[in-house]
N, C-alpha and C. Protein backbone atom coordinates (compact mmCIF):
# COMPACT_ATOMS: atom_id res chain seq x y z
N MET A 1 5.81 106.22 190.72
CA MET A 1 4.64 105.92 191.49
C MET A 1 3.70 104.98 190.74
N PRO A 2 4.17 103.82 190.34
CA PRO A 2 3.31 102.91 189.58
C PRO A 2 2.10 102.41 190.38
N VAL A 3 2.21 102.33 191.70
CA VAL A 3 1.08 101.87 192.51
C VAL A 3 -0.03 102.92 192.48
N ILE A 4 0.31 104.16 192.66
CA ILE A 4 -0.67 105.25 192.61
C ILE A 4 -1.32 105.31 191.23
N ASP A 5 -0.53 105.15 190.18
CA ASP A 5 -1.08 105.17 188.82
C ASP A 5 -2.07 104.03 188.61
N TYR A 6 -1.76 102.87 189.14
CA TYR A 6 -2.68 101.73 189.03
C TYR A 6 -3.98 102.02 189.79
N ILE A 7 -3.86 102.57 190.98
CA ILE A 7 -5.05 102.90 191.77
C ILE A 7 -5.91 103.93 191.05
N LYS A 8 -5.28 104.95 190.49
CA LYS A 8 -6.04 105.97 189.76
C LYS A 8 -6.75 105.36 188.56
N GLU A 9 -6.08 104.49 187.84
CA GLU A 9 -6.68 103.83 186.67
C GLU A 9 -7.91 103.03 187.08
N ARG A 10 -7.78 102.28 188.16
CA ARG A 10 -8.90 101.44 188.63
C ARG A 10 -10.05 102.31 189.14
N LEU A 11 -9.73 103.43 189.79
CA LEU A 11 -10.77 104.34 190.27
C LEU A 11 -11.56 104.93 189.11
N LEU A 12 -10.87 105.30 188.05
CA LEU A 12 -11.57 105.87 186.90
C LEU A 12 -12.53 104.86 186.28
N LEU A 13 -12.14 103.61 186.25
CA LEU A 13 -13.02 102.56 185.71
C LEU A 13 -14.20 102.31 186.65
N ALA A 14 -13.95 102.28 187.94
CA ALA A 14 -15.00 102.00 188.91
C ALA A 14 -15.94 103.19 189.11
N PHE A 15 -15.56 104.35 188.62
CA PHE A 15 -16.38 105.55 188.76
C PHE A 15 -17.76 105.35 188.16
N TYR A 16 -17.87 104.53 187.13
CA TYR A 16 -19.14 104.31 186.43
C TYR A 16 -19.86 103.05 186.90
N ASP A 17 -19.40 102.44 187.98
CA ASP A 17 -20.03 101.21 188.47
C ASP A 17 -21.51 101.46 188.79
N PRO A 18 -22.36 100.51 188.45
CA PRO A 18 -23.80 100.71 188.72
C PRO A 18 -24.16 100.67 190.21
N GLU A 19 -23.29 100.10 191.04
CA GLU A 19 -23.57 99.99 192.47
C GLU A 19 -23.26 101.32 193.18
N TYR A 20 -24.25 101.85 193.88
CA TYR A 20 -24.14 103.14 194.56
C TYR A 20 -22.96 103.17 195.54
N THR A 21 -22.83 102.14 196.36
CA THR A 21 -21.77 102.15 197.38
C THR A 21 -20.38 102.12 196.76
N VAL A 22 -20.24 101.46 195.63
CA VAL A 22 -18.95 101.44 194.94
C VAL A 22 -18.62 102.85 194.45
N ARG A 23 -19.59 103.51 193.82
CA ARG A 23 -19.35 104.88 193.32
C ARG A 23 -19.00 105.84 194.45
N LYS A 24 -19.69 105.73 195.58
CA LYS A 24 -19.40 106.62 196.70
C LYS A 24 -18.01 106.33 197.30
N THR A 25 -17.63 105.08 197.34
CA THR A 25 -16.29 104.73 197.83
C THR A 25 -15.22 105.26 196.89
N VAL A 26 -15.48 105.16 195.59
CA VAL A 26 -14.55 105.70 194.59
C VAL A 26 -14.39 107.20 194.79
N SER A 27 -15.49 107.91 194.96
CA SER A 27 -15.43 109.36 195.16
C SER A 27 -14.64 109.72 196.42
N SER A 28 -14.88 108.99 197.48
CA SER A 28 -14.16 109.25 198.74
C SER A 28 -12.67 109.00 198.58
N THR A 29 -12.32 107.95 197.87
CA THR A 29 -10.91 107.63 197.65
C THR A 29 -10.24 108.68 196.78
N MET A 30 -10.94 109.12 195.74
CA MET A 30 -10.41 110.19 194.88
C MET A 30 -10.15 111.44 195.71
N SER A 31 -11.12 111.77 196.52
CA SER A 31 -11.00 112.96 197.37
C SER A 31 -9.82 112.82 198.34
N SER A 32 -9.66 111.66 198.92
CA SER A 32 -8.54 111.43 199.85
C SER A 32 -7.19 111.56 199.17
N LEU A 33 -7.10 111.06 197.95
CA LEU A 33 -5.83 111.19 197.21
C LEU A 33 -5.47 112.65 196.99
N ILE A 34 -6.47 113.45 196.64
CA ILE A 34 -6.22 114.87 196.39
C ILE A 34 -5.86 115.59 197.69
N VAL A 35 -6.57 115.27 198.76
CA VAL A 35 -6.29 115.91 200.05
C VAL A 35 -4.89 115.56 200.54
N LYS A 36 -4.53 114.29 200.46
CA LYS A 36 -3.22 113.84 200.96
C LYS A 36 -2.06 114.22 200.04
N GLY A 37 -2.28 114.13 198.71
CA GLY A 37 -1.18 114.34 197.78
C GLY A 37 -1.19 115.66 197.06
N GLY A 38 -2.29 116.40 197.15
CA GLY A 38 -2.40 117.66 196.41
C GLY A 38 -2.84 117.42 194.98
N PHE A 39 -3.21 118.49 194.32
CA PHE A 39 -3.70 118.37 192.94
C PHE A 39 -2.62 117.91 191.97
N TYR A 40 -1.37 118.13 192.30
CA TYR A 40 -0.30 117.73 191.39
C TYR A 40 -0.21 116.22 191.24
N ILE A 41 -0.73 115.46 192.21
CA ILE A 41 -0.67 114.01 192.14
C ILE A 41 -1.63 113.46 191.06
N TRP A 42 -2.67 114.25 190.74
CA TRP A 42 -3.65 113.80 189.75
C TRP A 42 -4.19 115.01 188.99
N PRO A 43 -3.36 115.62 188.17
CA PRO A 43 -3.73 116.88 187.53
C PRO A 43 -4.93 116.81 186.59
N ASN A 44 -5.22 115.65 186.01
CA ASN A 44 -6.34 115.59 185.07
C ASN A 44 -7.65 115.14 185.72
N LEU A 45 -7.68 115.01 187.04
CA LEU A 45 -8.90 114.59 187.72
C LEU A 45 -10.00 115.64 187.59
N ILE A 46 -9.67 116.90 187.75
CA ILE A 46 -10.68 117.96 187.64
C ILE A 46 -11.30 117.94 186.24
N GLU A 47 -10.49 117.78 185.23
CA GLU A 47 -11.01 117.71 183.85
C GLU A 47 -11.93 116.50 183.69
N PHE A 48 -11.53 115.36 184.23
CA PHE A 48 -12.35 114.15 184.18
C PHE A 48 -13.71 114.40 184.82
N LEU A 49 -13.70 115.00 186.00
CA LEU A 49 -14.95 115.24 186.72
C LEU A 49 -15.84 116.25 186.01
N THR A 50 -15.26 117.33 185.52
CA THR A 50 -16.07 118.34 184.82
C THR A 50 -16.62 117.80 183.51
N ASN A 51 -15.90 116.94 182.83
CA ASN A 51 -16.42 116.32 181.60
C ASN A 51 -17.63 115.44 181.89
N ASN A 52 -17.69 114.87 183.07
CA ASN A 52 -18.80 114.01 183.44
C ASN A 52 -20.05 114.78 183.87
N LEU A 53 -19.95 116.08 184.00
CA LEU A 53 -21.11 116.88 184.40
C LEU A 53 -22.20 116.92 183.33
N VAL A 54 -21.87 116.55 182.11
CA VAL A 54 -22.86 116.51 181.03
C VAL A 54 -23.22 115.07 180.65
N HIS A 55 -22.86 114.13 181.49
CA HIS A 55 -23.14 112.72 181.23
C HIS A 55 -24.65 112.48 181.24
N ALA A 56 -25.12 111.54 180.46
CA ALA A 56 -26.54 111.22 180.37
C ALA A 56 -27.07 110.60 181.66
N ASP A 57 -26.23 109.91 182.40
CA ASP A 57 -26.65 109.25 183.64
C ASP A 57 -26.54 110.23 184.79
N ALA A 58 -27.68 110.51 185.44
CA ALA A 58 -27.70 111.48 186.52
C ALA A 58 -26.84 111.05 187.70
N THR A 59 -26.67 109.75 187.91
CA THR A 59 -25.84 109.31 189.04
C THR A 59 -24.38 109.61 188.81
N VAL A 60 -23.95 109.59 187.54
CA VAL A 60 -22.56 109.95 187.22
C VAL A 60 -22.35 111.44 187.48
N VAL A 61 -23.33 112.25 187.10
CA VAL A 61 -23.25 113.69 187.35
C VAL A 61 -23.19 113.96 188.85
N GLU A 62 -24.04 113.29 189.60
CA GLU A 62 -24.05 113.46 191.06
C GLU A 62 -22.71 113.09 191.67
N ASN A 63 -22.15 112.00 191.20
CA ASN A 63 -20.87 111.54 191.71
C ASN A 63 -19.75 112.51 191.35
N SER A 64 -19.85 113.14 190.21
CA SER A 64 -18.83 114.11 189.78
C SER A 64 -18.85 115.36 190.64
N ILE A 65 -20.03 115.73 191.06
CA ILE A 65 -20.17 116.92 191.89
C ILE A 65 -19.62 116.63 193.26
């Protein structure tokens, strides 16, 4: 699944984008991947999101939630 891996990599980078609409689109896409493919498709996403709950930027924390 090299295409899915590429998409996941790009989503993780765009997660910290300063533009609000980009961050919200990233969150929606992440959520869609999990809904459609299940947690096994991206097993470290939950860890990524929970690690961001202590981020200094409140918008990153909001996006993680």
